[in-house]
Amino acid sequence: MVPIGTRVPRATEQFLWKGRRLLIYSERLPLKYLLSNQGICLGIDSRSRSILFLLSRDGLFLRFRPVGDTVVEDLDYDLPRIVQALKSEDEGQPK
């Protein structure tokens, strides 16, 4: 049990990438990021919308998403699947 007022570190996942240890921070913050071998994903939440910036081998994506959008979480943080879902939305197809 942690005493009240004690700061507890946020849950993180660690992995090695090019010899460096990278962290994925909790999804509770307004600024979220994901670094992986497949690319980089940055999310910014505001009161009116979410902004998704994604850089991968398939290109660069900048999308304005609805508040509370969970496309990254729904696709299990798998950047190639997220890219495919964004491309499908651009073509008017379901995820």
PDB file of N, CA and C in Angstrom:
ATOM      1  N   MET A   1       0.847  -1.175   0.000  1.00  0.00           N
ATOM      2  CA  MET A   1       0.000   0.000   0.000  1.00  0.00           C
ATOM      3  C   MET A   1       0.887   1.230   0.000  1.00  0.00           C
ATOM      4  N   VAL A   2       0.524   2.231  -0.851  1.00  0.00           N
ATOM      5  CA  VAL A   2       1.309   3.453  -0.979  1.00  0.00           C
ATOM      6  C   VAL A   2       0.649   4.548  -0.148  1.00  0.00           C
ATOM      7  N   PRO A   3       1.426   5.222   0.715  1.00  0.00           N
ATOM      8  CA  PRO A   3       0.838   6.290   1.530  1.00  0.00           C
ATOM      9  C   PRO A   3       0.293   7.430   0.668  1.00  0.00           C
ATOM     10  N   ILE A   4      -0.762   8.088   1.133  1.00  0.00           N
ATOM     11  CA  ILE A   4      -1.372   9.211   0.409  1.00  0.00           C
ATOM     12  C   ILE A   4      -0.339  10.314   0.258  1.00  0.00           C
ATOM     13  N   GLY A   5      -0.307  10.911  -0.916  1.00  0.00           N
ATOM     14  CA  GLY A   5       0.624  11.993  -1.194  1.00  0.00           C
ATOM     15  C   GLY A   5       1.952  11.518  -1.766  1.00  0.00           C
ATOM     16  N   THR A   6       2.183  10.219  -1.816  1.00  0.00           N
ATOM     17  CA  THR A   6       3.414   9.681  -2.376  1.00  0.00           C
ATOM     18  C   THR A   6       3.261   9.593  -3.892  1.00  0.00           C
ATOM     19  N   ARG A   7       4.253  10.092  -4.593  1.00  0.00           N
ATOM     20  CA  ARG A   7       4.210  10.036  -6.056  1.00  0.00           C
ATOM     21  C   ARG A   7       4.599   8.650  -6.532  1.00  0.00           C
ATOM     22  N   VAL A   8       3.774   8.073  -7.363  1.00  0.00           N
ATOM     23  CA  VAL A   8       4.030   6.752  -7.926  1.00  0.00           C
ATOM     24  C   VAL A   8       4.340   6.944  -9.406  1.00  0.00           C
ATOM     25  N   PRO A   9       5.428   6.364  -9.917  1.00  0.00           N
ATOM     26  CA  PRO A   9       5.740   6.542 -11.333  1.00  0.00           C
ATOM     27  C   PRO A   9       4.635   5.969 -12.223  1.00  0.00           C
ATOM     28  N   ARG A  10       4.418   6.619 -13.368  1.00  0.00           N
ATOM     29  CA  ARG A  10       3.429   6.135 -14.325  1.00  0.00           C
ATOM     30  C   ARG A  10       3.879   4.791 -14.900  1.00  0.00           C
ATOM     31  N   ALA A  11       2.902   3.977 -15.247  1.00  0.00           N
ATOM     32  CA  ALA A  11       3.204   2.682 -15.862  1.00  0.00           C
ATOM     33  C   ALA A  11       3.864   2.914 -17.212  1.00  0.00           C
ATOM     34  N   THR A  12       4.964   2.225 -17.464  1.00  0.00           N
ATOM     35  CA  THR A  12       5.660   2.359 -18.733  1.00  0.00           C
ATOM     36  C   THR A  12       6.001   0.984 -19.268  1.00  0.00           C
ATOM     37  N   GLU A  13       6.206   0.936 -20.562  1.00  0.00           N
ATOM     38  CA  GLU A  13       6.698  -0.268 -21.207  1.00  0.00           C
ATOM     39  C   GLU A  13       8.064   0.082 -21.769  1.00  0.00           C
ATOM     40  N   GLN A  14       9.041  -0.759 -21.554  1.00  0.00           N
ATOM     41  CA  GLN A  14      10.387  -0.468 -22.011  1.00  0.00           C
ATOM     42  C   GLN A  14      10.802  -1.478 -23.073  1.00  0.00           C
ATOM     43  N   PHE A  15      11.579  -0.997 -24.048  1.00  0.00           N
ATOM     44  CA  PHE A  15      12.152  -1.890 -25.036  1.00  0.00           C
ATOM     45  C   PHE A  15      13.423  -1.262 -25.591  1.00  0.00           C
ATOM     46  N   LEU A  16      14.253  -2.076 -26.212  1.00  0.00           N
ATOM     47  CA  LEU A  16      15.494  -1.589 -26.794  1.00  0.00           C
ATOM     48  C   LEU A  16      15.284  -1.272 -28.261  1.00  0.00           C
ATOM     49  N   TRP A  17      15.854  -0.155 -28.701  1.00  0.00           N
ATOM     50  CA  TRP A  17      15.785   0.250 -30.104  1.00  0.00           C
ATOM     51  C   TRP A  17      17.112   0.870 -30.452  1.00  0.00           C
ATOM     52  N   LYS A  18      17.864   0.229 -31.328  1.00  0.00           N
ATOM     53  CA  LYS A  18      19.189   0.689 -31.726  1.00  0.00           C
ATOM     54  C   LYS A  18      20.081   0.914 -30.513  1.00  0.00           C
ATOM     55  N   GLY A  19      19.996  -0.013 -29.571  1.00  0.00           N
ATOM     56  CA  GLY A  19      20.840   0.054 -28.400  1.00  0.00           C
ATOM     57  C   GLY A  19      20.399   1.042 -27.338  1.00  0.00           C
ATOM     58  N   ARG A  20      19.265   1.699 -27.525  1.00  0.00           N
ATOM     59  CA  ARG A  20      18.759   2.659 -26.542  1.00  0.00           C
ATOM     60  C   ARG A  20      17.459   2.156 -25.964  1.00  0.00           C
ATOM     61  N   ARG A  21      17.257   2.435 -24.693  1.00  0.00           N
ATOM     62  CA  ARG A  21      16.016   2.026 -24.031  1.00  0.00           C
ATOM     63  C   ARG A  21      14.986   3.136 -24.189  1.00  0.00           C
ATOM     64  N   LEU A  22      13.852   2.818 -24.791  1.00  0.00           N
ATOM     65  CA  LEU A  22      12.776   3.773 -25.005  1.00  0.00           C
ATOM     66  C   LEU A  22      11.602   3.425 -24.107  1.00  0.00           C
ATOM     67  N   LEU A  23      10.815   4.434 -23.758  1.00  0.00           N
ATOM     68  CA  LEU A  23       9.664   4.243 -22.885  1.00  0.00           C
ATOM     69  C   LEU A  23       8.393   4.681 -23.593  1.00  0.00           C
ATOM     70  N   ILE A  24       7.300   3.972 -23.337  1.00  0.00           N
ATOM     71  CA  ILE A  24       5.977   4.404 -23.783  1.00  0.00           C
ATOM     72  C   ILE A  24       5.228   4.796 -22.523  1.00  0.00           C
ATOM     73  N   TYR A  25       4.836   6.046 -22.421  1.00  0.00           N
ATOM     74  CA  TYR A  25       4.182   6.515 -21.204  1.00  0.00           C
ATOM     75  C   TYR A  25       2.688   6.236 -21.229  1.00  0.00           C
ATOM     76  N   SER A  26       2.080   6.361 -20.106  1.00  0.00           N
ATOM     77  CA  SER A  26       0.660   6.111 -19.918  1.00  0.00           C
ATOM     78  C   SER A  26      -0.181   6.963 -20.866  1.00  0.00           C
ATOM     79  N   GLU A  27      -1.339   6.476 -21.225  1.00  0.00           N
ATOM     80  CA  GLU A  27      -2.267   7.193 -22.095  1.00  0.00           C
ATOM     81  C   GLU A  27      -3.078   8.251 -21.355  1.00  0.00           C
ATOM     82  N   ARG A  28      -2.770   8.520 -20.101  1.00  0.00           N
ATOM     83  CA  ARG A  28      -3.566   9.460 -19.315  1.00  0.00           C
ATOM     84  C   ARG A  28      -3.186  10.909 -19.566  1.00  0.00           C
ATOM     85  N   LEU A  29      -2.058  11.176 -20.160  1.00  0.00           N
ATOM     86  CA  LEU A  29      -1.600  12.540 -20.383  1.00  0.00           C
ATOM     87  C   LEU A  29      -2.192  13.117 -21.670  1.00  0.00           C
ATOM     88  N   PRO A  30      -2.291  14.458 -21.775  1.00  0.00           N
ATOM     89  CA  PRO A  30      -2.791  15.053 -23.017  1.00  0.00           C
ATOM     90  C   PRO A  30      -1.816  14.888 -24.190  1.00  0.00           C
ATOM     91  N   LEU A  31      -0.535  14.737 -23.895  1.00  0.00           N
ATOM     92  CA  LEU A  31       0.471  14.509 -24.928  1.00  0.00           C
ATOM     93  C   LEU A  31       0.924  13.057 -24.834  1.00  0.00           C
ATOM     94  N   LYS A  32       0.729  12.315 -25.928  1.00  0.00           N
ATOM     95  CA  LYS A  32       1.038  10.887 -25.938  1.00  0.00           C
ATOM     96  C   LYS A  32       2.000  10.597 -27.076  1.00  0.00           C
ATOM     97  N   TYR A  33       2.886   9.657 -26.859  1.00  0.00           N
ATOM     98  CA  TYR A  33       3.758   9.276 -27.957  1.00  0.00           C
ATOM     99  C   TYR A  33       4.068   7.799 -27.919  1.00  0.00           C
ATOM    100  N   LEU A  34       4.417   7.298 -29.092  1.00  0.00           N
ATOM    101  CA  LEU A  34       4.758   5.895 -29.261  1.00  0.00           C
ATOM    102  C   LEU A  34       5.977   5.842 -30.169  1.00  0.00           C
ATOM    103  N   LEU A  35       7.037   5.250 -29.698  1.00  0.00           N
ATOM    104  CA  LEU A  35       8.238   5.054 -30.493  1.00  0.00           C
ATOM    105  C   LEU A  35       8.411   3.566 -30.696  1.00  0.00           C
ATOM    106  N   SER A  36       8.534   3.150 -31.939  1.00  0.00           N
ATOM    107  CA  SER A  36       8.729   1.725 -32.201  1.00  0.00           C
ATOM    108  C   SER A  36       9.613   1.563 -33.418  1.00  0.00           C
ATOM    109  N   ASN A  37       9.967   0.327 -33.711  1.00  0.00           N
ATOM    110  CA  ASN A  37      10.801   0.048 -34.877  1.00  0.00           C
ATOM    111  C   ASN A  37      10.078   0.357 -36.185  1.00  0.00           C
ATOM    112  N   GLN A  38       8.751   0.428 -36.150  1.00  0.00           N
ATOM    113  CA  GLN A  38       7.985   0.717 -37.364  1.00  0.00           C
ATOM    114  C   GLN A  38       7.766   2.208 -37.597  1.00  0.00           C
ATOM    115  N   GLY A  39       8.045   3.065 -36.619  1.00  0.00           N
ATOM    116  CA  GLY A  39       7.844   4.493 -36.810  1.00  0.00           C
ATOM    117  C   GLY A  39       7.578   5.226 -35.514  1.00  0.00           C
ATOM    118  N   ILE A  40       7.041   6.432 -35.662  1.00  0.00           N
ATOM    119  CA  ILE A  40       6.764   7.314 -34.531  1.00  0.00           C
ATOM    120  C   ILE A  40       5.315   7.788 -34.626  1.00  0.00           C
ATOM    121  N   CYS A  41       4.639   7.801 -33.491  1.00  0.00           N
ATOM    122  CA  CYS A  41       3.264   8.280 -33.423  1.00  0.00           C
ATOM    123  C   CYS A  41       3.176   9.279 -32.275  1.00  0.00           C
ATOM    124  N   LEU A  42       2.594  10.440 -32.551  1.00  0.00           N
ATOM    125  CA  LEU A  42       2.423  11.483 -31.550  1.00  0.00           C
ATOM    126  C   LEU A  42       0.957  11.883 -31.527  1.00  0.00           C
ATOM    127  N   GLY A  43       0.369  11.928 -30.349  1.00  0.00           N
ATOM    128  CA  GLY A  43      -1.023  12.345 -30.201  1.00  0.00           C
ATOM    129  C   GLY A  43      -1.133  13.498 -29.223  1.00  0.00           C
ATOM    130  N   ILE A  44      -1.944  14.477 -29.570  1.00  0.00           N
ATOM    131  CA  ILE A  44      -2.196  15.626 -28.707  1.00  0.00           C
ATOM    132  C   ILE A  44      -3.701  15.747 -28.538  1.00  0.00           C
ATOM    133  N   ASP A  45      -4.151  15.711 -27.286  1.00  0.00           N
ATOM    134  CA  ASP A  45      -5.573  15.833 -26.994  1.00  0.00           C
ATOM    135  C   ASP A  45      -5.893  17.250 -26.537  1.00  0.00           C
ATOM    136  N   SER A  46      -6.962  17.803 -27.078  1.00  0.00           N
ATOM    137  CA  SER A  46      -7.476  19.089 -26.611  1.00  0.00           C
ATOM    138  C   SER A  46      -8.953  18.921 -26.297  1.00  0.00           C
ATOM    139  N   ARG A  47      -9.588  19.978 -25.872  1.00  0.00           N
ATOM    140  CA  ARG A  47     -11.019  19.876 -25.552  1.00  0.00           C
ATOM    141  C   ARG A  47     -11.891  19.694 -26.788  1.00  0.00           C
ATOM    142  N   SER A  48     -11.436  20.216 -27.914  1.00  0.00           N
ATOM    143  CA  SER A  48     -12.269  20.175 -29.114  1.00  0.00           C
ATOM    144  C   SER A  48     -11.948  19.027 -30.070  1.00  0.00           C
ATOM    145  N   ARG A  49     -10.685  18.531 -30.043  1.00  0.00           N
ATOM    146  CA  ARG A  49     -10.306  17.434 -30.936  1.00  0.00           C
ATOM    147  C   ARG A  49      -8.956  16.854 -30.535  1.00  0.00           C
ATOM    148  N   SER A  50      -8.616  15.755 -31.165  1.00  0.00           N
ATOM    149  CA  SER A  50      -7.310  15.130 -30.985  1.00  0.00           C
ATOM    150  C   SER A  50      -6.541  15.270 -32.292  1.00  0.00           C
ATOM    151  N   ILE A  51      -5.245  15.428 -32.172  1.00  0.00           N
ATOM    152  CA  ILE A  51      -4.386  15.529 -33.344  1.00  0.00           C
ATOM    153  C   ILE A  51      -3.466  14.315 -33.334  1.00  0.00           C
ATOM    154  N   LEU A  52      -3.414  13.605 -34.449  1.00  0.00           N
ATOM    155  CA  LEU A  52      -2.590  12.410 -34.585  1.00  0.00           C
ATOM    156  C   LEU A  52      -1.534  12.666 -35.658  1.00  0.00           C
ATOM    157  N   PHE A  53      -0.275  12.576 -35.271  1.00  0.00           N
ATOM    158  CA  PHE A  53       0.853  12.714 -36.174  1.00  0.00           C
ATOM    159  C   PHE A  53       1.559  11.369 -36.208  1.00  0.00           C
ATOM    160  N   LEU A  54       1.715  10.808 -37.409  1.00  0.00           N
ATOM    161  CA  LEU A  54       2.291   9.480 -37.535  1.00  0.00           C
ATOM    162  C   LEU A  54       3.325   9.482 -38.654  1.00  0.00           C
ATOM    163  N   LEU A  55       4.506   8.996 -38.362  1.00  0.00           N
ATOM    164  CA  LEU A  55       5.580   8.884 -39.341  1.00  0.00           C
ATOM    165  C   LEU A  55       5.995   7.424 -39.413  1.00  0.00           C
ATOM    166  N   SER A  56       5.885   6.837 -40.611  1.00  0.00           N
ATOM    167  CA  SER A  56       6.259   5.430 -40.784  1.00  0.00           C
ATOM    168  C   SER A  56       6.873   5.248 -42.163  1.00  0.00           C
ATOM    169  N   ARG A  57       7.217   4.011 -42.470  1.00  0.00           N
ATOM    170  CA  ARG A  57       7.772   3.708 -43.797  1.00  0.00           C
ATOM    171  C   ARG A  57       6.781   4.035 -44.909  1.00  0.00           C
ATOM    172  N   ASP A  58       5.502   3.997 -44.581  1.00  0.00           N
ATOM    173  CA  ASP A  58       4.461   4.265 -45.577  1.00  0.00           C
ATOM    174  C   ASP A  58       4.174   5.738 -45.771  1.00  0.00           C
ATOM    175  N   GLY A  59       4.817   6.600 -45.007  1.00  0.00           N
ATOM    176  CA  GLY A  59       4.620   8.027 -45.202  1.00  0.00           C
ATOM    177  C   GLY A  59       4.359   8.779 -43.911  1.00  0.00           C
ATOM    178  N   LEU A  60       3.932  10.013 -44.092  1.00  0.00           N
ATOM    179  CA  LEU A  60       3.659  10.931 -43.001  1.00  0.00           C
ATOM    180  C   LEU A  60       2.160  11.207 -42.969  1.00  0.00           C
ATOM    181  N   PHE A  61       1.556  11.101 -41.803  1.00  0.00           N
ATOM    182  CA  PHE A  61       0.119  11.327 -41.653  1.00  0.00           C
ATOM    183  C   PHE A  61      -0.114  12.368 -40.576  1.00  0.00           C
ATOM    184  N   LEU A  62      -0.987  13.296 -40.835  1.00  0.00           N
ATOM    185  CA  LEU A  62      -1.452  14.261 -39.848  1.00  0.00           C
ATOM    186  C   LEU A  62      -2.969  14.254 -39.937  1.00  0.00           C
ATOM    187  N   ARG A  63      -3.627  13.866 -38.856  1.00  0.00           N
ATOM    188  CA  ARG A  63      -5.083  13.747 -38.855  1.00  0.00           C
ATOM    189  C   ARG A  63      -5.676  14.428 -37.637  1.00  0.00           C
ATOM    190  N   PHE A  64      -6.786  15.101 -37.850  1.00  0.00           N
ATOM    191  CA  PHE A  64      -7.585  15.644 -36.754  1.00  0.00           C
ATOM    192  C   PHE A  64      -8.662  14.618 -36.466  1.00  0.00           C
ATOM    193  N   ARG A  65      -8.706  14.135 -35.247  1.00  0.00           N
ATOM    194  CA  ARG A  65      -9.593  13.064 -34.856  1.00  0.00           C
ATOM    195  C   ARG A  65     -10.589  13.569 -33.819  1.00  0.00           C
ATOM    196  N   PRO A  66     -11.685  12.870 -33.615  1.00  0.00           N
ATOM    197  CA  PRO A  66     -12.636  13.252 -32.569  1.00  0.00           C
ATOM    198  C   PRO A  66     -12.020  13.121 -31.179  1.00  0.00           C
ATOM    199  N   VAL A  67     -12.519  13.897 -30.258  1.00  0.00           N
ATOM    200  CA  VAL A  67     -12.048  13.822 -28.870  1.00  0.00           C
ATOM    201  C   VAL A  67     -12.268  12.405 -28.346  1.00  0.00           C
ATOM    202  N   GLY A  68     -11.255  11.857 -27.688  1.00  0.00           N
ATOM    203  CA  GLY A  68     -11.372  10.509 -27.126  1.00  0.00           C
ATOM    204  C   GLY A  68     -11.157   9.397 -28.131  1.00  0.00           C
ATOM    205  N   ASP A  69     -10.677   9.720 -29.336  1.00  0.00           N
ATOM    206  CA  ASP A  69     -10.442   8.706 -30.357  1.00  0.00           C
ATOM    207  C   ASP A  69      -9.437   7.669 -29.848  1.00  0.00           C
ATOM    208  N   THR A  70      -9.704   6.405 -30.114  1.00  0.00           N
ATOM    209  CA  THR A  70      -8.852   5.332 -29.604  1.00  0.00           C
ATOM    210  C   THR A  70      -8.292   4.445 -30.720  1.00  0.00           C
ATOM    211  N   VAL A  71      -8.082   5.000 -31.906  1.00  0.00           N
ATOM    212  CA  VAL A  71      -7.604   4.180 -33.018  1.00  0.00           C
ATOM    213  C   VAL A  71      -6.264   3.524 -32.686  1.00  0.00           C
ATOM    214  N   VAL A  72      -5.375   4.214 -32.008  1.00  0.00           N
ATOM    215  CA  VAL A  72      -4.067   3.650 -31.671  1.00  0.00           C
ATOM    216  C   VAL A  72      -4.219   2.506 -30.676  1.00  0.00           C
ATOM    217  N   GLU A  73      -5.013   2.722 -29.645  1.00  0.00           N
ATOM    218  CA  GLU A  73      -5.217   1.680 -28.640  1.00  0.00           C
ATOM    219  C   GLU A  73      -5.980   0.494 -29.218  1.00  0.00           C
ATOM    220  N   ASP A  74      -7.016   0.777 -30.033  1.00  0.00           N
ATOM    221  CA  ASP A  74      -7.829  -0.286 -30.616  1.00  0.00           C
ATOM    222  C   ASP A  74      -7.006  -1.229 -31.494  1.00  0.00           C
ATOM    223  N   LEU A  75      -5.992  -0.690 -32.149  1.00  0.00           N
ATOM    224  CA  LEU A  75      -5.159  -1.505 -33.033  1.00  0.00           C
ATOM    225  C   LEU A  75      -3.880  -1.959 -32.341  1.00  0.00           C
ATOM    226  N   ASP A  76      -3.910  -1.980 -31.018  1.00  0.00           N
ATOM    227  CA  ASP A  76      -2.859  -2.567 -30.182  1.00  0.00           C
ATOM    228  C   ASP A  76      -1.473  -1.963 -30.446  1.00  0.00           C
ATOM    229  N   TYR A  77      -1.419  -0.661 -30.688  1.00  0.00           N
ATOM    230  CA  TYR A  77      -0.165   0.077 -30.862  1.00  0.00           C
ATOM    231  C   TYR A  77       0.687  -0.481 -32.000  1.00  0.00           C
ATOM    232  N   ASP A  78       0.053  -1.083 -32.984  1.00  0.00           N
ATOM    233  CA  ASP A  78       0.737  -1.665 -34.141  1.00  0.00           C
ATOM    234  C   ASP A  78       0.695  -0.644 -35.278  1.00  0.00           C
ATOM    235  N   LEU A  79       1.815   0.067 -35.505  1.00  0.00           N
ATOM    236  CA  LEU A  79       1.818   1.161 -36.470  1.00  0.00           C
ATOM    237  C   LEU A  79       1.424   0.762 -37.888  1.00  0.00           C
ATOM    238  N   PRO A  80       1.881  -0.369 -38.430  1.00  0.00           N
ATOM    239  CA  PRO A  80       1.418  -0.732 -39.776  1.00  0.00           C
ATOM    240  C   PRO A  80      -0.114  -0.871 -39.856  1.00  0.00           C
ATOM    241  N   ARG A  81      -0.739  -1.436 -38.831  1.00  0.00           N
ATOM    242  CA  ARG A  81      -2.212  -1.560 -38.829  1.00  0.00           C
ATOM    243  C   ARG A  81      -2.876  -0.195 -38.698  1.00  0.00           C
ATOM    244  N   ILE A  82      -2.282   0.704 -37.928  1.00  0.00           N
ATOM    245  CA  ILE A  82      -2.837   2.056 -37.781  1.00  0.00           C
ATOM    246  C   ILE A  82      -2.763   2.789 -39.118  1.00  0.00           C
ATOM    247  N   VAL A  83      -1.627   2.669 -39.800  1.00  0.00           N
ATOM    248  CA  VAL A  83      -1.477   3.296 -41.127  1.00  0.00           C
ATOM    249  C   VAL A  83      -2.529   2.754 -42.080  1.00  0.00           C
ATOM    250  N   GLN A  84      -2.726   1.441 -42.090  1.00  0.00           N
ATOM    251  CA  GLN A  84      -3.730   0.838 -42.974  1.00  0.00           C
ATOM    252  C   GLN A  84      -5.129   1.347 -42.653  1.00  0.00           C
ATOM    253  N   ALA A  85      -5.442   1.495 -41.360  1.00  0.00           N
ATOM    254  CA  ALA A  85      -6.760   2.004 -40.965  1.00  0.00           C
ATOM    255  C   ALA A  85      -6.945   3.443 -41.435  1.00  0.00           C
ATOM    256  N   LEU A  86      -5.915   4.266 -41.329  1.00  0.00           N
ATOM    257  CA  LEU A  86      -6.017   5.658 -41.789  1.00  0.00           C
ATOM    258  C   LEU A  86      -6.181   5.726 -43.300  1.00  0.00           C
ATOM    259  N   LYS A  87      -5.446   4.878 -44.018  1.00  0.00           N
ATOM    260  CA  LYS A  87      -5.593   4.836 -45.480  1.00  0.00           C
ATOM    261  C   LYS A  87      -6.998   4.376 -45.871  1.00  0.00           C
ATOM    262  N   SER A  88      -7.530   3.397 -45.147  1.00  0.00           N
ATOM    263  CA  SER A  88      -8.884   2.907 -45.442  1.00  0.00           C
ATOM    264  C   SER A  88      -9.916   4.008 -45.205  1.00  0.00           C
ATOM    265  N   GLU A  89      -9.734   4.785 -44.122  1.00  0.00           N
ATOM    266  CA  GLU A  89     -10.651   5.897 -43.865  1.00  0.00           C
ATOM    267  C   GLU A  89     -10.586   6.927 -44.983  1.00  0.00           C
ATOM    268  N   ASP A  90      -9.375   7.185 -45.509  1.00  0.00           N
ATOM    269  CA  ASP A  90      -9.222   8.136 -46.605  1.00  0.00           C
ATOM    270  C   ASP A  90      -9.960   7.676 -47.854  1.00  0.00           C
ATOM    271  N   GLU A  91     -10.001   6.361 -48.044  1.00  0.00           N
ATOM    272  CA  GLU A  91     -10.689   5.774 -49.205  1.00  0.00           C
ATOM    273  C   GLU A  91     -12.166   5.550 -48.947  1.00  0.00           C
ATOM    274  N   GLY A  92     -12.617   5.840 -47.731  1.00  0.00           N
ATOM    275  CA  GLY A  92     -14.031   5.690 -47.393  1.00  0.00           C
ATOM    276  C   GLY A  92     -14.424   4.283 -47.017  1.00  0.00           C
ATOM    277  N   GLN A  93     -13.458   3.424 -46.722  1.00  0.00           N
ATOM    278  CA  GLN A  93     -13.743   2.046 -46.348  1.00  0.00           C
ATOM    279  C   GLN A  93     -13.738   1.930 -44.832  1.00  0.00           C
ATOM    280  N   PRO A  94     -14.479   0.978 -44.292  1.00  0.00           N
ATOM    281  CA  PRO A  94     -14.423   0.749 -42.834  1.00  0.00           C
ATOM    282  C   PRO A  94     -13.076   0.196 -42.423  1.00  0.00           C
ATOM    283  N   LYS A  95     -12.724   0.373 -41.126  1.00  0.00           N
ATOM    284  CA  LYS A  95     -11.465  -0.143 -40.599  1.00  0.00           C
ATOM    285  C   LYS A  95     -11.498  -1.629 -40.687  1.00  0.00           C
TER     286      LYS A  95
END
